[in-house]
Amino acid sequence: MTSGPMQSRPLDCPNPYSFRTKVGRVIWGGVWLLLFRPTPRSLGAWRKGLLRMFGAKMGRTSWVHPSVRIEVPWKLRVGEATFIDRNVLLYNHHGLNIGDRCTISQGVFLCSTSHDYTMTTMPVIGKTIVVEDDVWLCAEAFVAPGVLIGRGAVVGARAAVFTDIHPWTVVGGNPARFIKNRTLREPTS
């Protein structure tokens, strides 16, 4: 075990991704840049079609803003009636499952990949993120690898989530902490 500064050894840090994954990411990057990103907001069906061509499972009634950055579309699962707003980053190398009727607000960062900082080579590690049905991730929230956001939960703006969130709760802060239970009420006319 070592402590203190370590010397950089790039050759000791092999890329963990297969050749096929690397090529797929390069091709998807070009498609994202030329065919996905420049589309008008109204062409949501076109963007979903591109994602499906690259293996994403997209709900028929879901919508993705053209500025959303998706690293590995073939590991993306999105349910029905889910809205993914502008400038969201889906860093989903280890998988991302988003349920039905979710709102992923602007600037949210879902990060399924990290590094094992306890090893000198800092190998890539990660786990699938699961966002269950009826969740709202507020503006610029961060969700770490392997986290489960329970059904109906609300993650407050700029919250940083490193542990699972219980269903029908509201959390906020860094690290995210329980604020209160979420109770729904009918709208008044």
N, C-alpha and C. Protein backbone atom coordinates (compact mmCIF):
# COMPACT_ATOMS: atom_id res chain seq x y z
N MET A 1 0.85 -1.17 0.00
CA MET A 1 0.00 0.00 0.00
C MET A 1 0.89 1.23 0.00
N THR A 2 0.54 2.18 -0.86
CA THR A 2 1.32 3.41 -0.93
C THR A 2 0.44 4.59 -0.55
N SER A 3 1.07 5.63 -0.10
CA SER A 3 0.34 6.86 0.17
C SER A 3 1.19 8.01 -0.33
N GLY A 4 0.57 9.15 -0.44
CA GLY A 4 1.29 10.31 -0.93
C GLY A 4 1.24 10.38 -2.44
N PRO A 5 2.03 11.28 -3.04
CA PRO A 5 1.98 11.46 -4.49
C PRO A 5 2.43 10.20 -5.23
N MET A 6 1.78 9.95 -6.34
CA MET A 6 2.21 8.81 -7.15
C MET A 6 2.61 9.32 -8.52
N GLN A 7 3.51 8.58 -9.13
CA GLN A 7 3.96 8.97 -10.45
C GLN A 7 2.94 8.53 -11.48
N SER A 8 2.82 9.33 -12.52
CA SER A 8 1.91 9.00 -13.61
C SER A 8 2.51 7.88 -14.43
N ARG A 9 1.71 6.82 -14.64
CA ARG A 9 2.15 5.70 -15.46
C ARG A 9 1.04 5.36 -16.44
N PRO A 10 0.93 6.10 -17.54
CA PRO A 10 -0.18 5.88 -18.46
C PRO A 10 -0.23 4.48 -19.05
N LEU A 11 0.90 3.82 -19.21
CA LEU A 11 0.89 2.48 -19.79
C LEU A 11 0.31 1.45 -18.82
N ASP A 12 0.29 1.78 -17.52
CA ASP A 12 -0.30 0.88 -16.53
C ASP A 12 -1.82 1.04 -16.45
N CYS A 13 -2.38 1.95 -17.21
CA CYS A 13 -3.82 2.24 -17.16
C CYS A 13 -4.46 1.82 -18.48
N PRO A 14 -4.69 0.53 -18.68
CA PRO A 14 -5.26 0.09 -19.95
C PRO A 14 -6.71 0.55 -20.12
N ASN A 15 -7.08 0.80 -21.35
CA ASN A 15 -8.46 1.16 -21.64
C ASN A 15 -9.32 -0.09 -21.49
N PRO A 16 -10.38 -0.04 -20.65
CA PRO A 16 -11.16 -1.24 -20.37
C PRO A 16 -12.19 -1.58 -21.45
N TYR A 17 -12.35 -0.73 -22.44
CA TYR A 17 -13.41 -0.93 -23.41
C TYR A 17 -12.92 -1.71 -24.62
N SER A 18 -13.80 -2.56 -25.12
CA SER A 18 -13.47 -3.38 -26.29
C SER A 18 -13.30 -2.50 -27.53
N PHE A 19 -12.64 -3.07 -28.54
CA PHE A 19 -12.48 -2.37 -29.80
C PHE A 19 -13.84 -2.01 -30.38
N ARG A 20 -14.79 -2.94 -30.31
CA ARG A 20 -16.13 -2.70 -30.84
C ARG A 20 -16.81 -1.52 -30.13
N THR A 21 -16.67 -1.45 -28.81
CA THR A 21 -17.25 -0.34 -28.05
C THR A 21 -16.60 0.97 -28.45
N LYS A 22 -15.29 0.98 -28.60
CA LYS A 22 -14.59 2.20 -28.99
C LYS A 22 -15.06 2.69 -30.36
N VAL A 23 -15.18 1.76 -31.31
CA VAL A 23 -15.63 2.13 -32.66
C VAL A 23 -17.08 2.63 -32.60
N GLY A 24 -17.92 1.93 -31.85
CA GLY A 24 -19.31 2.35 -31.70
C GLY A 24 -19.43 3.74 -31.13
N ARG A 25 -18.60 4.06 -30.14
CA ARG A 25 -18.63 5.39 -29.53
C ARG A 25 -18.21 6.46 -30.53
N VAL A 26 -17.20 6.16 -31.36
CA VAL A 26 -16.75 7.13 -32.36
C VAL A 26 -17.86 7.37 -33.39
N ILE A 27 -18.46 6.29 -33.88
CA ILE A 27 -19.54 6.44 -34.87
C ILE A 27 -20.72 7.19 -34.26
N TRP A 28 -21.12 6.80 -33.04
CA TRP A 28 -22.23 7.50 -32.39
C TRP A 28 -21.89 8.99 -32.18
N GLY A 29 -20.64 9.29 -31.83
CA GLY A 29 -20.24 10.69 -31.64
C GLY A 29 -20.46 11.51 -32.91
N GLY A 30 -20.12 10.94 -34.05
CA GLY A 30 -20.36 11.63 -35.31
C GLY A 30 -21.84 11.79 -35.62
N VAL A 31 -22.61 10.73 -35.38
CA VAL A 31 -24.06 10.80 -35.61
C VAL A 31 -24.68 11.83 -34.67
N TRP A 32 -24.25 11.84 -33.40
CA TRP A 32 -24.78 12.81 -32.45
C TRP A 32 -24.48 14.24 -32.92
N LEU A 33 -23.24 14.46 -33.34
CA LEU A 33 -22.82 15.80 -33.75
C LEU A 33 -23.51 16.28 -35.02
N LEU A 34 -23.67 15.40 -36.00
CA LEU A 34 -24.18 15.80 -37.31
C LEU A 34 -25.69 15.61 -37.49
N LEU A 35 -26.28 14.63 -36.83
CA LEU A 35 -27.69 14.29 -37.09
C LEU A 35 -28.61 14.43 -35.87
N PHE A 36 -28.07 14.37 -34.68
CA PHE A 36 -28.88 14.44 -33.47
C PHE A 36 -28.90 15.87 -32.91
N ARG A 37 -27.75 16.39 -32.60
CA ARG A 37 -27.61 17.70 -31.94
C ARG A 37 -28.21 18.86 -32.73
N PRO A 38 -28.02 18.95 -34.05
CA PRO A 38 -28.52 20.13 -34.76
C PRO A 38 -30.02 20.11 -35.07
N THR A 39 -30.74 19.07 -34.68
CA THR A 39 -32.17 18.99 -35.04
C THR A 39 -33.00 19.98 -34.24
N PRO A 40 -34.08 20.50 -34.83
CA PRO A 40 -34.99 21.36 -34.07
C PRO A 40 -35.67 20.56 -32.95
N ARG A 41 -36.10 21.26 -31.93
CA ARG A 41 -36.77 20.61 -30.80
C ARG A 41 -37.94 19.75 -31.24
N SER A 42 -38.64 20.16 -32.29
CA SER A 42 -39.85 19.47 -32.73
C SER A 42 -39.58 18.10 -33.35
N LEU A 43 -38.32 17.77 -33.64
CA LEU A 43 -38.00 16.49 -34.27
C LEU A 43 -37.61 15.41 -33.26
N GLY A 44 -38.38 15.32 -32.19
CA GLY A 44 -38.11 14.33 -31.16
C GLY A 44 -38.17 12.91 -31.68
N ALA A 45 -39.09 12.62 -32.60
CA ALA A 45 -39.21 11.27 -33.16
C ALA A 45 -37.94 10.89 -33.93
N TRP A 46 -37.35 11.85 -34.63
CA TRP A 46 -36.10 11.62 -35.36
C TRP A 46 -34.98 11.23 -34.39
N ARG A 47 -34.85 11.99 -33.29
CA ARG A 47 -33.80 11.71 -32.32
C ARG A 47 -34.01 10.34 -31.67
N LYS A 48 -35.26 10.02 -31.34
CA LYS A 48 -35.53 8.70 -30.76
C LYS A 48 -35.19 7.60 -31.76
N GLY A 49 -35.47 7.85 -33.04
CA GLY A 49 -35.13 6.88 -34.07
C GLY A 49 -33.63 6.64 -34.16
N LEU A 50 -32.85 7.72 -34.08
CA LEU A 50 -31.39 7.57 -34.09
C LEU A 50 -30.92 6.77 -32.88
N LEU A 51 -31.47 7.09 -31.73
CA LEU A 51 -31.09 6.34 -30.52
C LEU A 51 -31.44 4.87 -30.65
N ARG A 52 -32.62 4.57 -31.19
CA ARG A 52 -33.02 3.17 -31.37
C ARG A 52 -32.10 2.46 -32.36
N MET A 53 -31.65 3.17 -33.40
CA MET A 53 -30.72 2.57 -34.36
C MET A 53 -29.43 2.13 -33.68
N PHE A 54 -29.06 2.82 -32.60
CA PHE A 54 -27.86 2.49 -31.86
C PHE A 54 -28.15 1.64 -30.62
N GLY A 55 -29.34 1.05 -30.56
CA GLY A 55 -29.63 0.06 -29.53
C GLY A 55 -30.36 0.55 -28.30
N ALA A 56 -30.66 1.84 -28.21
CA ALA A 56 -31.40 2.34 -27.05
C ALA A 56 -32.83 1.81 -27.08
N LYS A 57 -33.39 1.58 -25.92
CA LYS A 57 -34.81 1.23 -25.78
C LYS A 57 -35.51 2.49 -25.30
N MET A 58 -36.33 3.06 -26.20
CA MET A 58 -36.98 4.34 -25.92
C MET A 58 -38.49 4.18 -25.93
N GLY A 59 -39.15 4.70 -24.89
CA GLY A 59 -40.61 4.71 -24.86
C GLY A 59 -41.16 5.53 -26.01
N ARG A 60 -42.27 5.09 -26.55
CA ARG A 60 -42.90 5.76 -27.70
C ARG A 60 -43.26 7.21 -27.40
N THR A 61 -43.66 7.50 -26.15
CA THR A 61 -44.12 8.84 -25.80
C THR A 61 -43.07 9.66 -25.05
N SER A 62 -41.85 9.18 -24.98
CA SER A 62 -40.79 9.93 -24.30
C SER A 62 -40.18 10.96 -25.24
N TRP A 63 -39.47 11.93 -24.66
CA TRP A 63 -38.91 13.03 -25.45
C TRP A 63 -37.52 13.35 -24.93
N VAL A 64 -36.58 13.57 -25.86
CA VAL A 64 -35.19 13.89 -25.52
C VAL A 64 -34.80 15.19 -26.24
N HIS A 65 -34.33 16.16 -25.49
CA HIS A 65 -33.88 17.44 -26.05
C HIS A 65 -32.65 17.20 -26.93
N PRO A 66 -32.48 17.98 -28.02
CA PRO A 66 -31.33 17.77 -28.91
C PRO A 66 -29.96 17.99 -28.26
N SER A 67 -29.90 18.75 -27.15
CA SER A 67 -28.60 19.00 -26.52
C SER A 67 -28.20 17.91 -25.53
N VAL A 68 -29.05 16.92 -25.31
CA VAL A 68 -28.71 15.84 -24.37
C VAL A 68 -27.52 15.07 -24.91
N ARG A 69 -26.53 14.85 -24.06
CA ARG A 69 -25.33 14.10 -24.45
C ARG A 69 -25.44 12.69 -23.90
N ILE A 70 -25.43 11.70 -24.77
CA ILE A 70 -25.56 10.29 -24.40
C ILE A 70 -24.30 9.59 -24.85
N GLU A 71 -23.57 9.02 -23.92
CA GLU A 71 -22.29 8.41 -24.26
C GLU A 71 -22.43 7.06 -24.94
N VAL A 72 -23.24 6.17 -24.41
CA VAL A 72 -23.34 4.80 -24.94
C VAL A 72 -24.82 4.47 -25.11
N PRO A 73 -25.43 4.84 -26.24
CA PRO A 73 -26.88 4.69 -26.39
C PRO A 73 -27.37 3.25 -26.27
N TRP A 74 -26.54 2.28 -26.62
CA TRP A 74 -26.99 0.88 -26.55
C TRP A 74 -27.14 0.38 -25.12
N LYS A 75 -26.77 1.18 -24.13
CA LYS A 75 -26.99 0.81 -22.72
C LYS A 75 -28.01 1.72 -22.06
N LEU A 76 -28.86 2.35 -22.86
CA LEU A 76 -29.88 3.27 -22.36
C LEU A 76 -31.26 2.66 -22.49
N ARG A 77 -32.03 2.73 -21.40
CA ARG A 77 -33.43 2.28 -21.38
C ARG A 77 -34.26 3.41 -20.80
N VAL A 78 -35.26 3.87 -21.57
CA VAL A 78 -36.14 4.96 -21.13
C VAL A 78 -37.58 4.50 -21.33
N GLY A 79 -38.41 4.65 -20.29
CA GLY A 79 -39.80 4.23 -20.35
C GLY A 79 -40.69 5.22 -21.09
N GLU A 80 -41.98 5.14 -20.85
CA GLU A 80 -42.98 5.98 -21.50
C GLU A 80 -43.14 7.33 -20.79
N ALA A 81 -43.49 8.35 -21.57
CA ALA A 81 -43.85 9.68 -21.06
C ALA A 81 -42.75 10.30 -20.19
N THR A 82 -41.51 10.01 -20.51
CA THR A 82 -40.37 10.58 -19.79
C THR A 82 -39.78 11.72 -20.60
N PHE A 83 -39.42 12.79 -19.91
CA PHE A 83 -38.92 14.02 -20.53
C PHE A 83 -37.48 14.23 -20.07
N ILE A 84 -36.56 14.32 -21.03
CA ILE A 84 -35.14 14.57 -20.71
C ILE A 84 -34.78 15.93 -21.32
N ASP A 85 -34.55 16.90 -20.45
CA ASP A 85 -34.41 18.30 -20.84
C ASP A 85 -32.99 18.63 -21.32
N ARG A 86 -32.77 19.88 -21.63
CA ARG A 86 -31.55 20.34 -22.27
C ARG A 86 -30.31 20.18 -21.37
N ASN A 87 -29.20 19.95 -22.06
CA ASN A 87 -27.88 19.88 -21.44
C ASN A 87 -27.74 18.78 -20.39
N VAL A 88 -28.55 17.75 -20.48
CA VAL A 88 -28.40 16.59 -19.59
C VAL A 88 -27.24 15.74 -20.12
N LEU A 89 -26.44 15.19 -19.21
CA LEU A 89 -25.35 14.29 -19.59
C LEU A 89 -25.66 12.90 -19.05
N LEU A 90 -25.82 11.95 -19.97
CA LEU A 90 -26.06 10.56 -19.61
C LEU A 90 -24.77 9.80 -19.88
N TYR A 91 -23.93 9.72 -18.86
CA TYR A 91 -22.65 9.05 -18.96
C TYR A 91 -22.87 7.60 -18.55
N ASN A 92 -23.39 6.82 -19.48
CA ASN A 92 -23.99 5.53 -19.16
C ASN A 92 -23.18 4.33 -19.64
N HIS A 93 -21.90 4.34 -19.44
CA HIS A 93 -21.05 3.22 -19.87
C HIS A 93 -21.43 1.91 -19.18
N HIS A 94 -21.99 1.98 -18.00
CA HIS A 94 -22.37 0.78 -17.27
C HIS A 94 -23.88 0.61 -17.20
N GLY A 95 -24.63 1.38 -17.97
CA GLY A 95 -26.07 1.20 -18.07
C GLY A 95 -26.86 2.27 -17.33
N LEU A 96 -28.03 2.56 -17.90
CA LEU A 96 -28.94 3.54 -17.31
C LEU A 96 -30.36 3.13 -17.66
N ASN A 97 -31.17 2.92 -16.63
CA ASN A 97 -32.58 2.56 -16.80
C ASN A 97 -33.44 3.65 -16.18
N ILE A 98 -34.21 4.33 -17.01
CA ILE A 98 -35.10 5.39 -16.55
C ILE A 98 -36.53 4.92 -16.79
N GLY A 99 -37.37 5.04 -15.77
CA GLY A 99 -38.73 4.52 -15.83
C GLY A 99 -39.71 5.41 -16.59
N ASP A 100 -40.98 5.19 -16.32
CA ASP A 100 -42.08 5.93 -16.95
C ASP A 100 -42.35 7.23 -16.20
N ARG A 101 -42.84 8.25 -16.95
CA ARG A 101 -43.31 9.51 -16.39
C ARG A 101 -42.26 10.23 -15.54
N CYS A 102 -41.01 10.16 -15.94
CA CYS A 102 -39.94 10.84 -15.22
C CYS A 102 -39.64 12.18 -15.87
N THR A 103 -39.16 13.11 -15.06
CA THR A 103 -38.67 14.39 -15.56
C THR A 103 -37.21 14.51 -15.18
N ILE A 104 -36.36 14.61 -16.18
CA ILE A 104 -34.92 14.79 -15.98
C ILE A 104 -34.63 16.23 -16.41
N SER A 105 -34.51 17.13 -15.44
CA SER A 105 -34.40 18.56 -15.72
C SER A 105 -33.04 18.95 -16.27
N GLN A 106 -32.95 20.20 -16.72
CA GLN A 106 -31.76 20.70 -17.40
C GLN A 106 -30.51 20.53 -16.54
N GLY A 107 -29.45 20.11 -17.22
CA GLY A 107 -28.14 20.03 -16.59
C GLY A 107 -27.91 18.84 -15.67
N VAL A 108 -28.84 17.91 -15.59
CA VAL A 108 -28.65 16.73 -14.74
C VAL A 108 -27.50 15.89 -15.29
N PHE A 109 -26.72 15.28 -14.40
CA PHE A 109 -25.59 14.42 -14.78
C PHE A 109 -25.80 13.06 -14.14
N LEU A 110 -26.10 12.05 -14.97
CA LEU A 110 -26.23 10.67 -14.52
C LEU A 110 -24.95 9.95 -14.91
N CYS A 111 -24.14 9.56 -13.93
CA CYS A 111 -22.78 9.06 -14.17
C CYS A 111 -22.65 7.63 -13.67
N SER A 112 -22.73 6.65 -14.57
CA SER A 112 -22.65 5.24 -14.16
C SER A 112 -21.22 4.72 -14.09
N THR A 113 -20.24 5.58 -14.32
CA THR A 113 -18.84 5.17 -14.38
C THR A 113 -17.99 6.04 -13.47
N SER A 114 -16.99 5.41 -12.86
CA SER A 114 -16.05 6.14 -12.01
C SER A 114 -14.69 5.46 -12.12
N HIS A 115 -13.81 5.73 -11.17
CA HIS A 115 -12.49 5.10 -11.12
C HIS A 115 -12.25 4.60 -9.70
N ASP A 116 -11.52 3.50 -9.59
CA ASP A 116 -11.13 3.00 -8.27
C ASP A 116 -9.88 3.76 -7.85
N TYR A 117 -10.09 4.77 -7.03
CA TYR A 117 -8.98 5.65 -6.63
C TYR A 117 -8.05 4.99 -5.63
N THR A 118 -8.39 3.79 -5.13
CA THR A 118 -7.52 3.10 -4.19
C THR A 118 -6.39 2.34 -4.88
N MET A 119 -6.45 2.25 -6.19
CA MET A 119 -5.41 1.54 -6.95
C MET A 119 -4.58 2.55 -7.74
N THR A 120 -3.29 2.28 -7.86
CA THR A 120 -2.41 3.22 -8.56
C THR A 120 -2.78 3.40 -10.02
N THR A 121 -3.38 2.37 -10.63
CA THR A 121 -3.77 2.48 -12.04
C THR A 121 -5.15 3.11 -12.23
N MET A 122 -5.87 3.33 -11.14
CA MET A 122 -7.21 3.92 -11.17
C MET A 122 -8.10 3.31 -12.26
N PRO A 123 -8.34 1.99 -12.20
CA PRO A 123 -9.15 1.36 -13.24
C PRO A 123 -10.59 1.87 -13.23
N VAL A 124 -11.21 1.79 -14.39
CA VAL A 124 -12.61 2.20 -14.53
C VAL A 124 -13.49 1.18 -13.82
N ILE A 125 -14.45 1.68 -13.06
CA ILE A 125 -15.45 0.85 -12.39
C ILE A 125 -16.81 1.50 -12.61
N GLY A 126 -17.85 0.78 -12.32
CA GLY A 126 -19.17 1.38 -12.44
C GLY A 126 -20.28 0.39 -12.25
N LYS A 127 -21.49 0.91 -12.15
CA LYS A 127 -22.69 0.09 -12.02
C LYS A 127 -23.85 0.83 -12.66
N THR A 128 -24.86 0.08 -13.04
CA THR A 128 -26.05 0.64 -13.66
C THR A 128 -26.79 1.56 -12.69
N ILE A 129 -27.26 2.69 -13.19
CA ILE A 129 -28.14 3.59 -12.43
C ILE A 129 -29.57 3.25 -12.81
N VAL A 130 -30.45 3.17 -11.80
CA VAL A 130 -31.86 2.91 -12.03
C VAL A 130 -32.67 4.07 -11.48
N VAL A 131 -33.49 4.66 -12.34
CA VAL A 131 -34.42 5.72 -11.96
C VAL A 131 -35.81 5.14 -12.17
N GLU A 132 -36.53 4.88 -11.08
CA GLU A 132 -37.84 4.25 -11.18
C GLU A 132 -38.90 5.23 -11.68
N ASP A 133 -40.12 4.76 -11.85
CA ASP A 133 -41.23 5.56 -12.38
C ASP A 133 -41.52 6.80 -11.52
N ASP A 134 -42.04 7.86 -12.17
CA ASP A 134 -42.58 9.05 -11.51
C ASP A 134 -41.54 9.85 -10.72
N VAL A 135 -40.28 9.80 -11.13
CA VAL A 135 -39.20 10.52 -10.45
C VAL A 135 -38.98 11.86 -11.13
N TRP A 136 -38.62 12.86 -10.32
CA TRP A 136 -38.20 14.16 -10.84
C TRP A 136 -36.79 14.42 -10.35
N LEU A 137 -35.84 14.52 -11.29
CA LEU A 137 -34.48 14.93 -10.98
C LEU A 137 -34.38 16.41 -11.35
N CYS A 138 -34.28 17.27 -10.35
CA CYS A 138 -34.30 18.72 -10.58
C CYS A 138 -32.97 19.19 -11.18
N ALA A 139 -32.96 20.45 -11.58
CA ALA A 139 -31.85 21.04 -12.34
C ALA A 139 -30.49 20.76 -11.71
N GLU A 140 -29.57 20.29 -12.55
CA GLU A 140 -28.16 20.10 -12.26
C GLU A 140 -27.88 19.10 -11.14
N ALA A 141 -28.80 18.19 -10.88
CA ALA A 141 -28.54 17.12 -9.90
C ALA A 141 -27.49 16.16 -10.47
N PHE A 142 -26.74 15.52 -9.57
CA PHE A 142 -25.74 14.52 -9.94
C PHE A 142 -26.13 13.20 -9.30
N VAL A 143 -26.08 12.11 -10.10
CA VAL A 143 -26.37 10.78 -9.58
C VAL A 143 -25.17 9.89 -9.88
N ALA A 144 -24.65 9.24 -8.83
CA ALA A 144 -23.43 8.43 -8.91
C ALA A 144 -23.72 7.00 -9.39
N PRO A 145 -22.67 6.25 -9.75
CA PRO A 145 -22.84 4.89 -10.23
C PRO A 145 -23.57 3.99 -9.22
N GLY A 146 -24.45 3.12 -9.76
CA GLY A 146 -25.11 2.11 -8.95
C GLY A 146 -26.26 2.58 -8.10
N VAL A 147 -26.63 3.85 -8.18
CA VAL A 147 -27.69 4.40 -7.34
C VAL A 147 -29.06 3.99 -7.89
N LEU A 148 -29.97 3.72 -6.97
CA LEU A 148 -31.38 3.46 -7.29
C LEU A 148 -32.19 4.62 -6.75
N ILE A 149 -32.87 5.33 -7.64
CA ILE A 149 -33.78 6.40 -7.23
C ILE A 149 -35.17 5.78 -7.20
N GLY A 150 -35.75 5.65 -6.00
CA GLY A 150 -37.03 4.98 -5.83
C GLY A 150 -38.19 5.71 -6.47
N ARG A 151 -39.23 4.96 -6.75
CA ARG A 151 -40.42 5.49 -7.42
C ARG A 151 -40.96 6.73 -6.71
N GLY A 152 -41.29 7.76 -7.51
CA GLY A 152 -41.92 8.96 -6.99
C GLY A 152 -41.00 9.90 -6.25
N ALA A 153 -39.71 9.62 -6.18
CA ALA A 153 -38.79 10.48 -5.45
C ALA A 153 -38.53 11.78 -6.21
N VAL A 154 -38.16 12.81 -5.46
CA VAL A 154 -37.74 14.09 -6.03
C VAL A 154 -36.34 14.38 -5.51
N VAL A 155 -35.41 14.61 -6.44
CA VAL A 155 -34.04 14.96 -6.09
C VAL A 155 -33.89 16.45 -6.38
N GLY A 156 -33.63 17.24 -5.33
CA GLY A 156 -33.58 18.69 -5.45
C GLY A 156 -32.48 19.20 -6.35
N ALA A 157 -32.62 20.47 -6.75
CA ALA A 157 -31.65 21.11 -7.63
C ALA A 157 -30.25 21.05 -7.04
N ARG A 158 -29.30 20.68 -7.88
CA ARG A 158 -27.88 20.59 -7.55
C ARG A 158 -27.55 19.60 -6.45
N ALA A 159 -28.46 18.70 -6.15
CA ALA A 159 -28.17 17.66 -5.17
C ALA A 159 -27.17 16.67 -5.75
N ALA A 160 -26.39 16.05 -4.88
CA ALA A 160 -25.43 15.03 -5.28
C ALA A 160 -25.82 13.73 -4.59
N VAL A 161 -26.23 12.74 -5.39
CA VAL A 161 -26.78 11.50 -4.85
C VAL A 161 -25.74 10.38 -4.98
N PHE A 162 -25.33 9.84 -3.83
CA PHE A 162 -24.34 8.77 -3.79
C PHE A 162 -24.88 7.47 -3.22
N THR A 163 -26.08 7.52 -2.63
CA THR A 163 -26.72 6.32 -2.07
C THR A 163 -28.16 6.25 -2.57
N ASP A 164 -28.75 5.08 -2.45
CA ASP A 164 -30.13 4.88 -2.92
C ASP A 164 -31.10 5.83 -2.24
N ILE A 165 -32.12 6.24 -2.99
CA ILE A 165 -33.14 7.15 -2.48
C ILE A 165 -34.45 6.37 -2.34
N HIS A 166 -35.07 6.49 -1.18
CA HIS A 166 -36.31 5.77 -0.92
C HIS A 166 -37.45 6.32 -1.78
N PRO A 167 -38.42 5.46 -2.12
CA PRO A 167 -39.58 5.92 -2.89
C PRO A 167 -40.36 7.02 -2.17
N TRP A 168 -40.94 7.90 -2.95
CA TRP A 168 -41.84 8.96 -2.49
C TRP A 168 -41.23 9.83 -1.39
N THR A 169 -39.94 10.16 -1.59
CA THR A 169 -39.27 11.10 -0.70
C THR A 169 -38.72 12.26 -1.50
N VAL A 170 -38.41 13.35 -0.79
CA VAL A 170 -37.75 14.51 -1.38
C VAL A 170 -36.39 14.62 -0.70
N VAL A 171 -35.33 14.71 -1.52
CA VAL A 171 -33.98 14.82 -0.99
C VAL A 171 -33.29 16.03 -1.61
N GLY A 172 -32.26 16.51 -0.94
CA GLY A 172 -31.49 17.63 -1.48
C GLY A 172 -30.16 17.75 -0.77
N GLY A 173 -29.27 18.55 -1.33
CA GLY A 173 -27.97 18.81 -0.71
C GLY A 173 -26.86 17.96 -1.28
N ASN A 174 -25.67 18.18 -0.72
CA ASN A 174 -24.48 17.44 -1.14
C ASN A 174 -23.71 17.01 0.11
N PRO A 175 -23.78 15.72 0.44
CA PRO A 175 -24.54 14.65 -0.22
C PRO A 175 -26.03 14.81 0.04
N ALA A 176 -26.83 14.24 -0.86
CA ALA A 176 -28.29 14.36 -0.75
C ALA A 176 -28.77 13.72 0.55
N ARG A 177 -29.67 14.43 1.23
CA ARG A 177 -30.26 13.96 2.49
C ARG A 177 -31.78 14.07 2.42
N PHE A 178 -32.43 13.25 3.20
CA PHE A 178 -33.89 13.26 3.28
C PHE A 178 -34.37 14.64 3.75
N ILE A 179 -35.36 15.19 3.05
CA ILE A 179 -35.99 16.45 3.46
C ILE A 179 -37.39 16.18 3.99
N LYS A 180 -38.18 15.47 3.20
CA LYS A 180 -39.54 15.13 3.62
C LYS A 180 -40.10 14.06 2.71
N ASN A 181 -41.24 13.52 3.10
CA ASN A 181 -41.96 12.58 2.24
C ASN A 181 -42.71 13.36 1.17
N ARG A 182 -42.88 12.77 0.03
CA ARG A 182 -43.63 13.40 -1.07
C ARG A 182 -45.06 12.89 -1.03
N THR A 183 -45.98 13.81 -0.87
CA THR A 183 -47.40 13.44 -0.93
C THR A 183 -48.03 14.19 -2.08
N LEU A 184 -48.81 13.45 -2.87
CA LEU A 184 -49.47 14.03 -4.04
C LEU A 184 -50.86 14.51 -3.67
N ARG A 185 -51.29 15.55 -4.32
CA ARG A 185 -52.66 16.06 -4.14
C ARG A 185 -53.24 16.39 -5.50
N GLU A 186 -54.52 16.41 -5.59
CA GLU A 186 -55.20 16.74 -6.84
C GLU A 186 -55.15 18.25 -7.06
N PRO A 187 -55.00 18.69 -8.32
CA PRO A 187 -54.98 20.14 -8.59
C PRO A 187 -56.37 20.75 -8.34
N THR A 188 -56.35 21.98 -7.88
CA THR A 188 -57.61 22.70 -7.68
C THR A 188 -57.89 23.54 -8.91
N SER A 189 -59.18 23.69 -9.23
CA SER A 189 -59.52 24.47 -10.44
C SER A 189 -59.81 25.91 -10.13
